[in-house]
């Protein structure tokens, strides 16, 4: 991965509410232009985390999983937008790769991507990757990692 030293941290969240609160805290720190890759199996908590991030950004709409629509965009406070993509059902991104490329280059947009392996070539090196692993029925281990000064700053505040 380009972008220099990889910054990282691991946290555990004990339930859905704690996942959402963590997402809210992260969302409140985002200023636009960030790209976040959400990694985890079906049911790991990616959409719950996305809902919290949207709340932290001040999005007025309730975030829905874009599994069937592939993408959803929400208006947030301070003129920001939240673009949420889910490439689970695609084998080839096709035209959606162009749409995604446009979003990740917009400084007013925070972009969340689930199942990003299909569009890896479109994503910037300095994205934040959050891997969600179930520990038990309710607890999740979140591994956050990403290169660059922005990720170093974000992870430093989140600790």
N, C-alpha and C. Protein backbone atom coordinates (compact mmCIF):
# COMPACT_ATOMS: atom_id res chain seq x y z
N UNK A 1 0.84 -1.18 0.00
CA UNK A 1 0.00 0.00 0.00
C UNK A 1 0.88 1.24 0.00
N UNK A 2 0.55 2.19 -0.87
CA UNK A 2 1.27 3.46 -0.89
C UNK A 2 0.81 4.29 0.29
N UNK A 3 1.54 5.37 0.57
CA UNK A 3 1.07 6.30 1.59
C UNK A 3 1.88 6.28 2.87
N UNK A 4 2.93 5.47 2.95
CA UNK A 4 3.81 5.52 4.10
C UNK A 4 3.40 4.61 5.23
N UNK A 5 3.73 5.03 6.43
CA UNK A 5 3.51 4.24 7.64
C UNK A 5 2.03 3.98 7.84
N UNK A 6 1.71 2.75 8.19
CA UNK A 6 0.32 2.37 8.47
C UNK A 6 0.02 2.66 9.94
N UNK A 7 -0.96 3.50 10.18
CA UNK A 7 -1.43 3.80 11.52
C UNK A 7 -2.51 2.78 11.84
N UNK A 8 -2.56 2.31 13.09
CA UNK A 8 -3.57 1.29 13.40
C UNK A 8 -3.98 1.34 14.86
N UNK A 9 -5.15 0.75 15.09
CA UNK A 9 -5.64 0.55 16.45
C UNK A 9 -6.69 -0.54 16.42
N UNK A 10 -6.91 -1.17 17.57
CA UNK A 10 -7.93 -2.20 17.71
C UNK A 10 -8.79 -1.84 18.92
N UNK A 11 -10.10 -1.92 18.73
CA UNK A 11 -11.01 -1.70 19.86
C UNK A 11 -12.07 -2.79 19.83
N UNK A 12 -12.71 -3.00 20.95
CA UNK A 12 -13.84 -3.92 21.00
C UNK A 12 -15.08 -3.13 21.38
N UNK A 13 -16.18 -3.44 20.70
CA UNK A 13 -17.47 -2.86 21.05
C UNK A 13 -18.35 -4.00 21.53
N UNK A 14 -19.09 -3.75 22.59
CA UNK A 14 -19.82 -4.82 23.28
C UNK A 14 -21.22 -5.09 22.74
N UNK A 15 -21.77 -4.15 21.95
CA UNK A 15 -23.12 -4.35 21.43
C UNK A 15 -23.38 -3.37 20.29
N UNK A 16 -24.57 -3.47 19.69
CA UNK A 16 -24.93 -2.59 18.57
C UNK A 16 -24.91 -1.12 18.95
N UNK A 17 -25.41 -0.80 20.14
CA UNK A 17 -25.44 0.58 20.57
C UNK A 17 -24.03 1.16 20.67
N UNK A 18 -23.10 0.39 21.24
CA UNK A 18 -21.72 0.85 21.37
C UNK A 18 -21.08 1.02 19.98
N UNK A 19 -21.42 0.15 19.04
CA UNK A 19 -20.93 0.27 17.67
C UNK A 19 -21.42 1.58 17.06
N UNK A 20 -22.68 1.87 17.28
CA UNK A 20 -23.27 3.09 16.72
C UNK A 20 -22.65 4.33 17.38
N UNK A 21 -22.43 4.28 18.69
CA UNK A 21 -21.80 5.40 19.40
C UNK A 21 -20.38 5.63 18.88
N UNK A 22 -19.63 4.54 18.66
CA UNK A 22 -18.29 4.68 18.11
C UNK A 22 -18.35 5.32 16.72
N UNK A 23 -19.28 4.86 15.88
CA UNK A 23 -19.44 5.44 14.55
C UNK A 23 -19.79 6.91 14.62
N UNK A 24 -20.65 7.27 15.57
CA UNK A 24 -21.03 8.67 15.77
C UNK A 24 -19.81 9.52 16.11
N UNK A 25 -18.97 9.01 16.99
CA UNK A 25 -17.75 9.73 17.36
C UNK A 25 -16.84 9.90 16.15
N UNK A 26 -16.66 8.83 15.38
CA UNK A 26 -15.83 8.91 14.17
C UNK A 26 -16.43 9.90 13.18
N UNK A 27 -17.73 9.79 12.93
CA UNK A 27 -18.40 10.69 12.00
C UNK A 27 -18.25 12.15 12.38
N UNK A 28 -18.28 12.44 13.67
CA UNK A 28 -18.12 13.82 14.14
C UNK A 28 -16.74 14.38 13.89
N UNK A 29 -15.77 13.52 13.64
CA UNK A 29 -14.39 13.95 13.37
C UNK A 29 -14.11 14.16 11.88
N UNK A 30 -15.00 13.69 11.03
CA UNK A 30 -14.75 13.73 9.59
C UNK A 30 -15.12 15.09 9.01
N UNK A 31 -14.27 15.58 8.10
CA UNK A 31 -14.46 16.91 7.53
C UNK A 31 -14.73 16.87 6.04
N UNK A 32 -14.87 15.69 5.46
CA UNK A 32 -15.07 15.56 4.02
C UNK A 32 -13.79 15.15 3.33
N UNK A 33 -13.93 14.39 2.28
CA UNK A 33 -12.79 13.91 1.52
C UNK A 33 -12.23 12.58 2.01
N UNK A 34 -12.74 12.08 3.13
CA UNK A 34 -12.24 10.81 3.66
C UNK A 34 -12.93 9.64 2.96
N UNK A 35 -12.17 8.55 2.81
CA UNK A 35 -12.68 7.31 2.25
C UNK A 35 -12.48 6.23 3.30
N UNK A 36 -13.57 5.53 3.62
CA UNK A 36 -13.51 4.49 4.65
C UNK A 36 -14.01 3.19 4.05
N UNK A 37 -13.16 2.19 4.12
CA UNK A 37 -13.49 0.86 3.65
C UNK A 37 -13.97 0.03 4.84
N UNK A 38 -15.18 -0.50 4.75
CA UNK A 38 -15.74 -1.33 5.82
C UNK A 38 -15.62 -2.79 5.40
N UNK A 39 -14.91 -3.59 6.20
CA UNK A 39 -14.66 -4.98 5.87
C UNK A 39 -15.27 -5.87 6.95
N UNK A 40 -16.03 -6.85 6.53
CA UNK A 40 -16.62 -7.79 7.48
C UNK A 40 -17.64 -8.66 6.78
N UNK A 41 -17.89 -9.81 7.34
CA UNK A 41 -18.87 -10.72 6.78
C UNK A 41 -20.27 -10.13 6.86
N UNK A 42 -21.20 -10.73 6.16
CA UNK A 42 -22.60 -10.34 6.26
C UNK A 42 -23.02 -10.45 7.73
N UNK A 43 -23.65 -9.40 8.24
CA UNK A 43 -24.11 -9.40 9.63
C UNK A 43 -23.07 -8.98 10.65
N UNK A 44 -21.89 -8.56 10.20
CA UNK A 44 -20.82 -8.19 11.13
C UNK A 44 -21.10 -6.87 11.85
N UNK A 45 -21.87 -5.98 11.23
CA UNK A 45 -22.15 -4.69 11.85
C UNK A 45 -21.76 -3.50 11.00
N UNK A 46 -21.48 -3.71 9.73
CA UNK A 46 -21.06 -2.62 8.85
C UNK A 46 -22.13 -1.53 8.73
N UNK A 47 -23.38 -1.94 8.55
CA UNK A 47 -24.45 -0.95 8.42
C UNK A 47 -24.69 -0.22 9.73
N UNK A 48 -24.59 -0.91 10.85
CA UNK A 48 -24.73 -0.26 12.16
C UNK A 48 -23.65 0.80 12.33
N UNK A 49 -22.42 0.47 11.97
CA UNK A 49 -21.33 1.44 12.04
C UNK A 49 -21.60 2.61 11.10
N UNK A 50 -22.08 2.32 9.88
CA UNK A 50 -22.40 3.38 8.92
C UNK A 50 -23.48 4.30 9.46
N UNK A 51 -24.48 3.76 10.15
CA UNK A 51 -25.54 4.58 10.74
C UNK A 51 -24.95 5.55 11.77
N UNK A 52 -24.02 5.05 12.59
CA UNK A 52 -23.38 5.91 13.57
C UNK A 52 -22.55 7.01 12.92
N UNK A 53 -21.82 6.66 11.88
CA UNK A 53 -21.01 7.65 11.16
C UNK A 53 -21.92 8.73 10.58
N UNK A 54 -23.03 8.31 10.00
CA UNK A 54 -24.00 9.28 9.43
C UNK A 54 -24.54 10.20 10.51
N UNK A 55 -24.86 9.66 11.68
CA UNK A 55 -25.34 10.48 12.79
C UNK A 55 -24.29 11.50 13.19
N UNK A 56 -23.02 11.06 13.28
CA UNK A 56 -21.94 11.96 13.64
C UNK A 56 -21.72 13.07 12.62
N UNK A 57 -22.00 12.77 11.36
CA UNK A 57 -21.89 13.78 10.30
C UNK A 57 -23.10 14.70 10.27
N UNK A 58 -24.15 14.33 11.00
CA UNK A 58 -25.36 15.15 11.03
C UNK A 58 -26.31 14.86 9.88
N UNK A 59 -26.24 13.66 9.30
CA UNK A 59 -27.18 13.29 8.25
C UNK A 59 -28.59 13.19 8.84
N UNK A 60 -29.56 13.72 8.12
CA UNK A 60 -30.93 13.73 8.61
C UNK A 60 -31.67 12.42 8.35
N UNK A 61 -31.33 11.73 7.27
CA UNK A 61 -32.00 10.49 6.92
C UNK A 61 -31.40 9.31 7.67
N UNK A 62 -32.24 8.29 7.87
CA UNK A 62 -31.75 7.06 8.47
C UNK A 62 -31.02 6.26 7.40
N UNK A 63 -29.80 5.86 7.67
CA UNK A 63 -29.00 5.11 6.72
C UNK A 63 -29.57 3.71 6.54
N UNK A 64 -29.70 3.31 5.29
CA UNK A 64 -30.15 1.98 4.93
C UNK A 64 -29.00 1.27 4.22
N UNK A 65 -28.91 -0.03 4.34
CA UNK A 65 -27.89 -0.78 3.63
C UNK A 65 -28.11 -0.64 2.13
N UNK A 66 -27.06 -0.31 1.38
CA UNK A 66 -27.21 -0.19 -0.07
C UNK A 66 -27.00 -1.51 -0.81
N UNK A 67 -27.24 -2.63 -0.14
CA UNK A 67 -27.00 -3.94 -0.75
C UNK A 67 -27.71 -4.13 -2.09
N UNK A 68 -28.93 -3.63 -2.21
CA UNK A 68 -29.68 -3.84 -3.45
C UNK A 68 -29.60 -2.64 -4.38
N UNK A 69 -29.32 -1.46 -3.85
CA UNK A 69 -29.24 -0.26 -4.69
C UNK A 69 -27.80 0.07 -5.08
N UNK A 70 -26.84 -0.57 -4.49
CA UNK A 70 -25.39 -0.41 -4.67
C UNK A 70 -24.87 0.87 -4.03
N UNK A 71 -25.59 1.98 -4.16
CA UNK A 71 -25.11 3.21 -3.53
C UNK A 71 -26.27 4.06 -3.04
N UNK A 72 -25.98 4.81 -2.00
CA UNK A 72 -26.92 5.81 -1.47
C UNK A 72 -26.10 7.02 -1.05
N UNK A 73 -26.67 8.20 -1.24
CA UNK A 73 -25.99 9.43 -0.84
C UNK A 73 -26.91 10.19 0.10
N UNK A 74 -26.34 10.67 1.20
CA UNK A 74 -27.09 11.40 2.23
C UNK A 74 -26.48 12.78 2.41
N UNK A 75 -27.34 13.78 2.59
CA UNK A 75 -26.87 15.12 2.92
C UNK A 75 -26.56 15.16 4.41
N UNK A 76 -25.49 15.87 4.76
CA UNK A 76 -25.08 16.00 6.15
C UNK A 76 -24.88 17.49 6.46
N UNK A 77 -24.51 17.78 7.68
CA UNK A 77 -24.29 19.16 8.11
C UNK A 77 -23.05 19.74 7.45
N UNK A 78 -22.93 21.03 7.51
CA UNK A 78 -21.77 21.78 7.01
C UNK A 78 -21.54 21.57 5.51
N UNK A 79 -22.60 21.27 4.76
CA UNK A 79 -22.49 21.08 3.32
C UNK A 79 -21.83 19.78 2.91
N UNK A 80 -21.69 18.85 3.86
CA UNK A 80 -21.07 17.57 3.55
C UNK A 80 -22.09 16.57 3.04
N UNK A 81 -21.58 15.51 2.41
CA UNK A 81 -22.40 14.40 1.93
C UNK A 81 -21.77 13.10 2.40
N UNK A 82 -22.59 12.10 2.58
CA UNK A 82 -22.12 10.76 2.89
C UNK A 82 -22.55 9.86 1.74
N UNK A 83 -21.57 9.28 1.05
CA UNK A 83 -21.84 8.32 -0.02
C UNK A 83 -21.53 6.94 0.53
N UNK A 84 -22.49 6.04 0.44
CA UNK A 84 -22.36 4.70 1.01
C UNK A 84 -22.55 3.69 -0.12
N UNK A 85 -21.52 2.89 -0.37
CA UNK A 85 -21.53 1.90 -1.45
C UNK A 85 -21.44 0.49 -0.87
N UNK A 86 -22.08 -0.44 -1.56
CA UNK A 86 -22.01 -1.86 -1.20
C UNK A 86 -21.90 -2.65 -2.51
N UNK A 87 -20.73 -3.23 -2.75
CA UNK A 87 -20.48 -3.96 -3.99
C UNK A 87 -20.62 -5.47 -3.83
N UNK A 88 -21.30 -5.91 -2.78
CA UNK A 88 -21.43 -7.33 -2.48
C UNK A 88 -22.02 -8.13 -3.65
N UNK A 89 -23.01 -7.60 -4.31
CA UNK A 89 -23.73 -8.34 -5.34
C UNK A 89 -23.12 -8.22 -6.73
N UNK A 90 -22.01 -7.50 -6.87
CA UNK A 90 -21.41 -7.30 -8.18
C UNK A 90 -20.13 -8.12 -8.36
N UNK A 91 -19.92 -8.58 -9.58
CA UNK A 91 -18.66 -9.25 -9.93
C UNK A 91 -17.74 -8.27 -10.65
N UNK A 92 -18.33 -7.21 -11.19
CA UNK A 92 -17.59 -6.18 -11.92
C UNK A 92 -18.29 -4.86 -11.61
N UNK A 93 -17.53 -3.86 -11.23
CA UNK A 93 -18.13 -2.58 -10.84
C UNK A 93 -18.75 -1.84 -12.01
N UNK A 94 -18.26 -2.08 -13.23
CA UNK A 94 -18.82 -1.42 -14.41
C UNK A 94 -18.85 0.09 -14.25
N UNK A 95 -19.96 0.68 -14.61
CA UNK A 95 -20.14 2.14 -14.57
C UNK A 95 -20.06 2.69 -13.15
N UNK A 96 -20.35 1.82 -12.15
CA UNK A 96 -20.29 2.27 -10.76
C UNK A 96 -18.88 2.67 -10.36
N UNK A 97 -17.86 2.13 -11.02
CA UNK A 97 -16.48 2.52 -10.73
C UNK A 97 -16.28 3.99 -11.05
N UNK A 98 -16.90 4.47 -12.12
CA UNK A 98 -16.79 5.89 -12.48
C UNK A 98 -17.48 6.76 -11.45
N UNK A 99 -18.66 6.34 -11.03
CA UNK A 99 -19.41 7.06 -10.01
C UNK A 99 -18.61 7.14 -8.71
N UNK A 100 -18.03 6.01 -8.32
CA UNK A 100 -17.23 5.96 -7.10
C UNK A 100 -16.00 6.86 -7.21
N UNK A 101 -15.32 6.82 -8.35
CA UNK A 101 -14.14 7.66 -8.56
C UNK A 101 -14.47 9.13 -8.39
N UNK A 102 -15.63 9.53 -8.86
CA UNK A 102 -16.07 10.91 -8.71
C UNK A 102 -16.31 11.26 -7.24
N UNK A 103 -16.96 10.36 -6.52
CA UNK A 103 -17.25 10.60 -5.11
C UNK A 103 -15.99 10.68 -4.26
N UNK A 104 -15.05 9.76 -4.47
CA UNK A 104 -13.85 9.75 -3.61
C UNK A 104 -12.97 10.96 -3.87
N UNK A 105 -13.15 11.64 -4.99
CA UNK A 105 -12.35 12.84 -5.26
C UNK A 105 -13.05 14.12 -4.81
N UNK A 106 -14.27 14.02 -4.29
CA UNK A 106 -15.03 15.19 -3.85
C UNK A 106 -14.67 15.53 -2.40
N UNK A 107 -14.09 16.71 -2.15
CA UNK A 107 -13.70 17.08 -0.79
C UNK A 107 -14.86 17.32 0.17
N UNK A 108 -16.09 17.37 -0.34
CA UNK A 108 -17.26 17.56 0.51
C UNK A 108 -17.97 16.24 0.83
N UNK A 109 -17.39 15.14 0.36
CA UNK A 109 -18.04 13.85 0.53
C UNK A 109 -17.19 12.90 1.36
N UNK A 110 -17.82 12.27 2.33
CA UNK A 110 -17.21 11.15 3.06
C UNK A 110 -17.76 9.91 2.37
N UNK A 111 -16.88 9.02 1.96
CA UNK A 111 -17.29 7.84 1.20
C UNK A 111 -17.04 6.57 2.01
N UNK A 112 -18.10 5.78 2.21
CA UNK A 112 -18.01 4.47 2.87
C UNK A 112 -18.19 3.40 1.81
N UNK A 113 -17.31 2.39 1.81
CA UNK A 113 -17.41 1.33 0.83
C UNK A 113 -17.39 -0.02 1.52
N UNK A 114 -18.40 -0.85 1.23
CA UNK A 114 -18.44 -2.23 1.68
C UNK A 114 -18.11 -3.12 0.49
N UNK A 115 -17.38 -4.22 0.75
CA UNK A 115 -16.98 -5.16 -0.29
C UNK A 115 -16.18 -4.43 -1.36
N UNK A 116 -15.16 -3.70 -0.94
CA UNK A 116 -14.39 -2.82 -1.81
C UNK A 116 -13.39 -3.55 -2.71
N UNK A 117 -13.18 -4.83 -2.50
CA UNK A 117 -12.19 -5.55 -3.31
C UNK A 117 -12.46 -5.42 -4.80
N UNK A 118 -13.71 -5.25 -5.19
CA UNK A 118 -14.07 -5.15 -6.60
C UNK A 118 -13.67 -3.80 -7.21
N UNK A 119 -13.44 -2.79 -6.36
CA UNK A 119 -13.10 -1.45 -6.85
C UNK A 119 -11.78 -0.94 -6.26
N UNK A 120 -10.95 -1.86 -5.82
CA UNK A 120 -9.70 -1.48 -5.16
C UNK A 120 -8.87 -0.51 -5.98
N UNK A 121 -8.85 -0.66 -7.28
CA UNK A 121 -8.06 0.22 -8.15
C UNK A 121 -8.56 1.65 -8.19
N UNK A 122 -9.79 1.88 -7.79
CA UNK A 122 -10.38 3.22 -7.80
C UNK A 122 -10.11 3.95 -6.48
N UNK A 123 -9.86 3.19 -5.42
CA UNK A 123 -9.75 3.77 -4.08
C UNK A 123 -8.38 4.40 -3.84
N UNK A 124 -8.36 5.50 -3.10
CA UNK A 124 -7.07 6.12 -2.78
C UNK A 124 -6.30 5.27 -1.77
N UNK A 125 -5.00 5.37 -1.81
CA UNK A 125 -4.15 4.62 -0.88
C UNK A 125 -4.41 5.06 0.56
N UNK A 126 -4.71 6.32 0.76
CA UNK A 126 -4.86 6.85 2.12
C UNK A 126 -6.27 6.73 2.66
N UNK A 127 -6.89 5.62 2.37
CA UNK A 127 -8.21 5.36 2.95
C UNK A 127 -8.04 4.73 4.33
N UNK A 128 -9.09 4.82 5.12
CA UNK A 128 -9.12 4.17 6.42
C UNK A 128 -9.88 2.86 6.25
N UNK A 129 -9.28 1.76 6.63
CA UNK A 129 -9.92 0.46 6.56
C UNK A 129 -10.35 0.05 7.96
N UNK A 130 -11.62 -0.29 8.10
CA UNK A 130 -12.14 -0.77 9.38
C UNK A 130 -12.62 -2.20 9.16
N UNK A 131 -11.92 -3.13 9.77
CA UNK A 131 -12.31 -4.54 9.67
C UNK A 131 -13.08 -4.92 10.93
N UNK A 132 -14.25 -5.49 10.74
CA UNK A 132 -15.13 -5.85 11.85
C UNK A 132 -15.17 -7.38 11.97
N UNK A 133 -14.77 -7.88 13.12
CA UNK A 133 -14.75 -9.32 13.36
C UNK A 133 -15.60 -9.65 14.58
N UNK A 134 -16.54 -10.58 14.44
CA UNK A 134 -17.33 -11.01 15.59
C UNK A 134 -16.45 -11.73 16.61
N UNK A 135 -16.64 -11.39 17.88
CA UNK A 135 -15.97 -12.09 18.97
C UNK A 135 -16.95 -13.08 19.58
N UNK A 136 -18.19 -12.64 19.75
CA UNK A 136 -19.28 -13.50 20.19
C UNK A 136 -20.56 -12.94 19.59
N UNK A 137 -21.70 -13.35 20.09
CA UNK A 137 -22.97 -12.94 19.50
C UNK A 137 -23.13 -11.41 19.40
N UNK A 138 -22.62 -10.68 20.38
CA UNK A 138 -22.81 -9.23 20.41
C UNK A 138 -21.53 -8.43 20.24
N UNK A 139 -20.41 -8.94 20.73
CA UNK A 139 -19.14 -8.20 20.75
C UNK A 139 -18.46 -8.27 19.38
N UNK A 140 -17.91 -7.12 18.97
CA UNK A 140 -17.16 -7.03 17.72
C UNK A 140 -15.80 -6.41 17.99
N UNK A 141 -14.79 -6.93 17.31
CA UNK A 141 -13.44 -6.35 17.35
C UNK A 141 -13.26 -5.54 16.08
N UNK A 142 -12.95 -4.26 16.24
CA UNK A 142 -12.72 -3.37 15.12
C UNK A 142 -11.23 -3.11 14.99
N UNK A 143 -10.69 -3.46 13.83
CA UNK A 143 -9.29 -3.18 13.52
C UNK A 143 -9.28 -2.03 12.52
N UNK A 144 -8.75 -0.90 12.95
CA UNK A 144 -8.69 0.29 12.10
C UNK A 144 -7.25 0.48 11.66
N UNK A 145 -7.07 0.73 10.35
CA UNK A 145 -5.72 0.95 9.84
C UNK A 145 -5.76 1.81 8.59
N UNK A 146 -4.70 2.55 8.42
CA UNK A 146 -4.58 3.36 7.21
C UNK A 146 -3.37 4.26 7.29
N UNK A 147 -2.77 4.53 6.15
CA UNK A 147 -1.58 5.39 6.11
C UNK A 147 -1.96 6.87 6.10
N UNK A 148 -0.99 7.71 6.32
CA UNK A 148 -1.18 9.15 6.14
C UNK A 148 -1.47 9.92 7.40
N UNK A 149 -1.28 11.22 7.28
CA UNK A 149 -1.44 12.14 8.40
C UNK A 149 -2.89 12.23 8.88
N UNK A 150 -3.85 12.19 7.95
CA UNK A 150 -5.26 12.29 8.34
C UNK A 150 -5.65 11.09 9.19
N UNK A 151 -5.26 9.89 8.77
CA UNK A 151 -5.58 8.69 9.55
C UNK A 151 -4.86 8.69 10.88
N UNK A 152 -3.63 9.15 10.92
CA UNK A 152 -2.89 9.24 12.17
C UNK A 152 -3.63 10.15 13.15
N UNK A 153 -4.10 11.28 12.65
CA UNK A 153 -4.83 12.23 13.48
C UNK A 153 -6.15 11.61 13.98
N UNK A 154 -6.93 11.02 13.06
CA UNK A 154 -8.21 10.41 13.44
C UNK A 154 -8.02 9.33 14.50
N UNK A 155 -7.08 8.43 14.26
CA UNK A 155 -6.87 7.33 15.20
C UNK A 155 -6.35 7.82 16.54
N UNK A 156 -5.55 8.88 16.51
CA UNK A 156 -5.06 9.46 17.75
C UNK A 156 -6.19 9.99 18.61
N UNK A 157 -7.17 10.63 18.01
CA UNK A 157 -8.32 11.17 18.74
C UNK A 157 -9.23 10.04 19.23
N UNK A 158 -9.39 9.00 18.41
CA UNK A 158 -10.30 7.90 18.75
C UNK A 158 -9.77 7.02 19.88
N UNK A 159 -8.50 7.05 20.15
CA UNK A 159 -7.92 6.18 21.20
C UNK A 159 -8.49 6.47 22.53
